[in-house]
Amino acid sequence: PVAAIYSESTMLSFLQHASWNTQLTSRTSLEASLDFNHHQVQTHDSVARTGYDNNRNDRSLFLGVRNQLHERVNINLMLRGERTNGDFSPLIPFAGLDVLLIQNNPLIFKASVARNYRQPSLNDLYWQPGGNPELKPEKGFSIETGLQSSISVDNISLQSEISFFRSDIDDWIIWIPGFKGYW
């Protein structure tokens, strides 16, 4: 028998993360984080005689502010900036709101809106077989709203949540089965 596919992949990642949190006031907190990730990938298919040897540096900066506007209203504002191999991504904002609807019954209304942006992973780009080095980053927007409730009796806690969301994504990266039996 002759192998149709014989591929080997090796990936090495070096991940660094630093974060800082502070309470600005009794109702406001600030969070910041910085990430630096270096990835190397080597992949080779000896049957198709294809392969890649690439590396990538990802940097990101995150800032988040959480504020209790009222004893029953919380707001979250976040912003992330990313840089991949020298290319800056669009800023990725997030805004979220939590409202305690009934004081005696913990029923919380939640809503958020966010921009989405995701670079293809090295597997998305270079996995053999199936990766596509021509992939573009995913871009889009998401909104979400819902209700959350919880009850606690003695040492038992029960939480339920119902959410509705919509995401509009361009250049969505999705792995689907190919006609040759691989994804």
Protein backbone atom coordinates (compact mmCIF):
# COMPACT_ATOMS: atom_id res chain seq x y z
CA PRO A 1 0.00 0.00 0.00
CA VAL A 2 1.06 3.56 -0.76
CA ALA A 3 0.23 6.26 1.77
CA ALA A 4 -1.94 9.06 0.40
CA ILE A 5 -0.89 11.34 3.24
CA TYR A 6 2.09 11.21 5.57
CA SER A 7 2.52 14.48 7.40
CA GLU A 8 4.43 15.57 10.45
CA SER A 9 4.04 18.86 12.29
CA THR A 10 6.03 20.42 15.08
CA MET A 11 5.02 23.60 16.85
CA LEU A 12 6.92 25.46 19.53
CA SER A 13 5.37 28.37 21.43
CA PHE A 14 6.84 30.80 23.93
CA LEU A 15 4.07 32.63 25.83
CA GLN A 16 4.50 35.63 28.12
CA HIS A 17 1.71 37.40 30.02
CA ALA A 18 1.78 40.29 32.46
CA SER A 19 -1.27 41.85 34.08
CA TRP A 20 -2.06 44.61 36.53
CA ASN A 21 -5.27 45.33 38.45
CA THR A 22 -6.18 48.21 40.69
CA GLN A 23 -9.24 49.54 42.45
CA LEU A 24 -9.48 53.21 41.40
CA THR A 25 -12.49 53.97 43.62
CA SER A 26 -14.90 51.86 45.64
CA ARG A 27 -16.98 51.44 42.47
CA THR A 28 -14.36 51.47 39.70
CA SER A 29 -11.59 49.02 38.86
CA LEU A 30 -8.96 49.08 36.13
CA GLU A 31 -7.21 46.14 34.53
CA ALA A 32 -4.37 46.09 32.03
CA SER A 33 -2.46 43.23 30.48
CA LEU A 34 0.31 42.74 27.97
CA ASP A 35 0.99 39.53 26.06
CA PHE A 36 3.91 38.51 23.87
CA ASN A 37 3.75 35.15 22.13
CA HIS A 38 6.30 33.65 19.74
CA HIS A 39 5.29 30.62 17.68
CA GLN A 40 7.33 28.44 15.34
CA VAL A 41 5.83 25.77 13.12
CA GLN A 42 7.44 23.14 10.91
CA THR A 43 5.15 20.94 8.88
CA HIS A 44 5.91 18.53 6.09
CA ASP A 45 3.98 16.02 4.01
CA SER A 46 6.45 13.57 2.47
CA VAL A 47 3.88 12.16 -0.01
CA ALA A 48 2.73 15.48 -1.48
CA ARG A 49 6.18 17.00 -0.89
CA THR A 50 4.71 20.13 0.66
CA GLY A 51 5.46 21.87 3.91
CA TYR A 52 6.18 25.05 5.77
CA ASP A 53 8.72 26.41 8.21
CA ASN A 54 7.35 29.67 9.62
CA ASN A 55 7.26 31.70 12.79
CA ARG A 56 5.04 34.43 14.13
CA ASN A 57 5.19 37.04 16.89
CA ASP A 58 1.90 38.11 18.46
CA ARG A 59 1.67 41.07 20.82
CA SER A 60 -1.47 42.37 22.49
CA LEU A 61 -2.40 45.10 24.94
CA PHE A 62 -5.66 44.95 26.90
CA LEU A 63 -7.34 47.66 28.98
CA GLY A 64 -10.55 47.16 30.92
CA VAL A 65 -12.62 49.41 33.17
CA ARG A 66 -15.40 48.08 35.36
CA ASN A 67 -17.73 50.51 37.06
CA GLN A 68 -20.70 50.12 39.37
CA LEU A 69 -22.81 53.04 38.16
CA HIS A 70 -25.55 52.32 40.68
CA GLU A 71 -26.02 49.62 43.31
CA ARG A 72 -27.93 47.66 40.65
CA VAL A 73 -26.03 48.65 37.45
CA ASN A 74 -22.53 47.56 36.36
CA ILE A 75 -20.78 48.54 33.16
CA ASN A 76 -17.69 46.97 31.55
CA LEU A 77 -15.62 48.72 28.90
CA MET A 78 -12.68 46.92 27.32
CA LEU A 79 -10.26 47.62 24.51
CA ARG A 80 -7.67 45.33 22.96
CA GLY A 81 -4.97 46.16 20.45
CA GLU A 82 -2.96 43.48 18.67
CA ARG A 83 0.10 43.32 16.47
CA THR A 84 1.05 40.24 14.47
CA ASN A 85 4.47 40.17 12.78
CA GLY A 86 4.57 43.95 12.62
CA ASP A 87 1.01 44.42 11.31
CA PHE A 88 -1.46 46.19 13.59
CA SER A 89 -4.97 44.80 13.87
CA PRO A 90 -7.97 47.11 14.19
CA LEU A 91 -8.79 48.04 17.80
CA ILE A 92 -11.20 45.56 19.36
CA PRO A 93 -13.70 47.29 21.68
CA PHE A 94 -16.23 45.64 24.03
CA ALA A 95 -19.04 47.24 26.04
CA GLY A 96 -21.18 45.30 28.50
CA LEU A 97 -23.98 46.14 30.90
CA ASP A 98 -25.43 44.16 33.84
CA VAL A 99 -28.61 45.34 35.56
CA LEU A 100 -30.05 43.73 38.68
CA LEU A 101 -33.77 43.87 37.86
CA ILE A 102 -35.23 42.74 41.17
CA GLN A 103 -33.35 43.43 44.39
CA ASN A 104 -34.76 40.53 46.44
CA ASN A 105 -34.58 38.03 43.57
CA PRO A 106 -31.20 37.98 41.82
CA LEU A 107 -32.53 38.39 38.26
CA ILE A 108 -29.91 40.11 36.10
CA PHE A 109 -30.34 41.58 32.62
CA LYS A 110 -27.14 41.37 30.57
CA ALA A 111 -26.23 43.03 27.27
CA SER A 112 -23.00 43.48 25.33
CA VAL A 113 -21.65 44.56 21.98
CA ALA A 114 -18.18 43.78 20.67
CA ARG A 115 -16.05 43.99 17.60
CA ASN A 116 -14.46 40.69 16.53
CA TYR A 117 -11.07 40.27 14.91
CA ARG A 118 -9.08 37.05 14.88
CA GLN A 119 -5.89 36.19 13.06
CA PRO A 120 -5.77 32.65 11.62
CA SER A 121 -3.87 30.27 13.89
CA LEU A 122 -0.74 28.58 12.62
CA ASN A 123 -2.78 25.36 12.35
CA ASP A 124 -5.35 27.20 10.21
CA LEU A 125 -2.55 28.39 7.95
CA TYR A 126 -0.06 25.54 7.79
CA TRP A 127 -1.54 22.22 8.98
CA GLN A 128 -0.69 19.45 6.48
CA PRO A 129 -2.94 18.56 4.81
CA GLY A 130 -5.73 21.09 4.98
CA GLY A 131 -4.18 24.34 6.14
CA ASN A 132 -4.51 27.39 3.93
CA PRO A 133 -1.70 29.99 4.04
CA GLU A 134 -3.91 32.44 2.09
CA LEU A 135 -6.51 32.82 4.88
CA LYS A 136 -7.55 36.33 5.88
CA PRO A 137 -8.34 37.38 9.46
CA GLU A 138 -11.91 37.06 10.68
CA LYS A 139 -13.66 40.42 11.13
CA GLY A 140 -17.09 41.26 12.46
CA PHE A 141 -19.41 42.39 15.24
CA SER A 142 -21.34 40.54 17.92
CA ILE A 143 -24.24 41.51 20.15
CA GLU A 144 -25.65 39.53 23.04
CA THR A 145 -28.48 39.97 25.51
CA GLY A 146 -30.00 37.74 28.12
CA LEU A 147 -31.24 37.08 31.63
CA GLN A 148 -29.44 35.34 34.48
CA SER A 149 -30.93 34.08 37.70
CA SER A 150 -29.51 32.21 40.66
CA ILE A 151 -30.75 30.78 43.92
CA SER A 152 -28.84 29.35 46.86
CA VAL A 153 -30.14 27.06 49.57
CA ASP A 154 -27.69 25.88 52.21
CA ASN A 155 -24.62 24.66 50.26
CA ILE A 156 -26.46 24.22 46.97
CA SER A 157 -26.42 26.91 44.32
CA LEU A 158 -28.45 26.80 41.12
CA GLN A 159 -27.87 29.23 38.29
CA SER A 160 -29.74 29.55 35.01
CA GLU A 161 -29.21 31.82 32.06
CA ILE A 162 -30.85 32.41 28.72
CA SER A 163 -29.04 34.40 26.05
CA PHE A 164 -29.69 35.61 22.54
CA PHE A 165 -26.79 36.59 20.32
CA ARG A 166 -25.95 37.54 16.79
CA SER A 167 -22.52 37.52 15.19
CA ASP A 168 -21.83 38.91 11.72
CA ILE A 169 -18.41 37.60 10.70
CA ASP A 170 -16.59 38.18 7.41
CA ASP A 171 -13.88 35.74 6.27
CA TRP A 172 -15.00 33.23 8.89
CA ILE A 173 -12.39 30.50 9.39
CA ILE A 174 -14.06 27.11 9.58
CA TRP A 175 -12.68 23.62 9.09
CA ILE A 176 -14.93 21.49 6.89
CA PRO A 177 -14.39 17.93 5.63
CA GLY A 178 -12.73 17.71 2.25
CA PHE A 179 -13.45 15.15 -0.45
CA LYS A 180 -10.15 13.34 0.27
CA GLY A 181 -11.20 12.48 3.84
CA TYR A 182 -9.34 15.15 5.79
CA TRP A 183 -10.55 18.47 7.16
